[in-house]
Protein backbone atom coordinates (compact mmCIF):
# COMPACT_ATOMS: atom_id res chain seq x y z
CA MET A 1 9.88 -7.08 -7.42
CA VAL A 2 7.58 -9.53 -5.97
CA ILE A 3 7.62 -8.02 -2.43
CA GLY A 4 6.41 -4.80 -3.97
CA TYR A 5 3.25 -6.96 -5.20
CA LEU A 6 3.16 -8.34 -1.68
CA ILE A 7 2.95 -4.71 -0.38
CA TRP A 8 0.41 -3.53 -2.67
CA ALA A 9 -1.57 -6.55 -2.17
CA VAL A 10 -1.74 -6.27 1.51
CA PHE A 11 -2.25 -2.77 1.42
CA MET A 12 -5.20 -3.19 -1.01
CA ALA A 13 -6.80 -6.06 1.03
CA GLY A 14 -6.65 -3.83 4.33
CA LEU A 15 -8.41 -1.13 2.45
CA PHE A 16 -10.97 -3.45 1.28
CA ALA A 17 -11.67 -5.24 4.91
CA TRP A 18 -11.61 -1.71 6.19
CA GLU A 19 -14.37 -0.53 3.63
CA GLY A 20 -16.33 -3.87 3.93
CA PHE A 21 -16.20 -3.57 7.66
CA SER A 22 -17.49 -0.10 7.97
CA LEU A 23 -20.41 -0.52 5.64
CA SER A 24 -21.46 -3.94 7.35
CA ARG A 25 -21.21 -1.63 10.94
CA SER A 26 -23.17 1.03 9.48
CA HIS A 27 -25.15 1.19 12.79
CA ASP A 28 -21.80 1.75 14.92
CA ARG A 29 -20.65 4.29 12.39
CA TRP A 30 -17.51 3.07 11.56
CA PRO A 31 -16.17 5.86 8.77
CA THR A 32 -15.89 4.13 5.22
CA PHE A 33 -12.67 5.17 3.35
CA SER A 34 -15.07 7.64 0.80
CA ASP A 35 -16.16 9.26 4.22
CA THR A 36 -12.70 9.84 5.34
CA VAL A 37 -11.53 11.39 1.90
CA HIS A 38 -14.71 13.68 1.99
CA ALA A 39 -13.79 14.97 5.18
CA VAL A 40 -10.47 15.68 3.93
CA THR A 41 -11.55 17.39 1.02
CA ARG A 42 -14.18 19.21 2.50
CA HIS A 43 -11.50 22.39 2.93
CA ALA A 44 -9.35 23.58 0.27
CA VAL A 45 -6.20 23.03 1.96
CA GLY A 46 -7.42 19.25 2.13
CA ARG A 47 -7.73 19.37 -1.51
CA TRP A 48 -4.38 21.08 -2.08
CA VAL A 49 -2.68 18.41 0.28
CA MET A 50 -4.64 15.61 -1.68
CA PHE A 51 -3.56 16.84 -5.08
CA ALA A 52 0.18 17.11 -3.77
CA VAL A 53 -0.11 13.61 -2.74
CA TRP A 54 -1.34 12.66 -5.97
CA LEU A 55 1.36 14.26 -7.64
CA TRP A 56 4.04 13.11 -5.78
CA LEU A 57 2.88 9.56 -5.87
CA GLY A 58 2.49 9.61 -9.57
CA TRP A 59 6.09 11.13 -10.12
CA HIS A 60 7.32 8.38 -7.87
CA PHE A 61 5.78 5.56 -9.40
CA PHE A 62 5.39 6.36 -12.89
CA VAL A 63 8.04 8.77 -13.79
CA ARG A 64 11.04 8.53 -11.99
CA GLY A 65 13.27 5.89 -13.94
CA TRP A 66 11.36 6.05 -17.16
CA LYS A 67 13.47 6.44 -20.07
CA PHE A 68 11.87 8.83 -23.23
CA PHE A 69 10.77 6.06 -25.94
CA LEU A 70 12.36 8.27 -28.82
CA ARG A 71 15.64 9.16 -27.49
CA ALA A 72 18.45 7.65 -29.67
């Protein structure tokens, strides 16, 4: 359980570091995370892929292994 939190913390720290670095170095034109998402979702195929990834992540993180609370 702790290793999962550690992995998420490192991932989020990396994402924030990338965003902060790219926003602070705007004259070098490093792409921000929002620029990257915009480039992917510009086309319909990219939007469908992002939607499929969102569904897959939601299924694996929130639904899989979940027990129905009204089950006797």
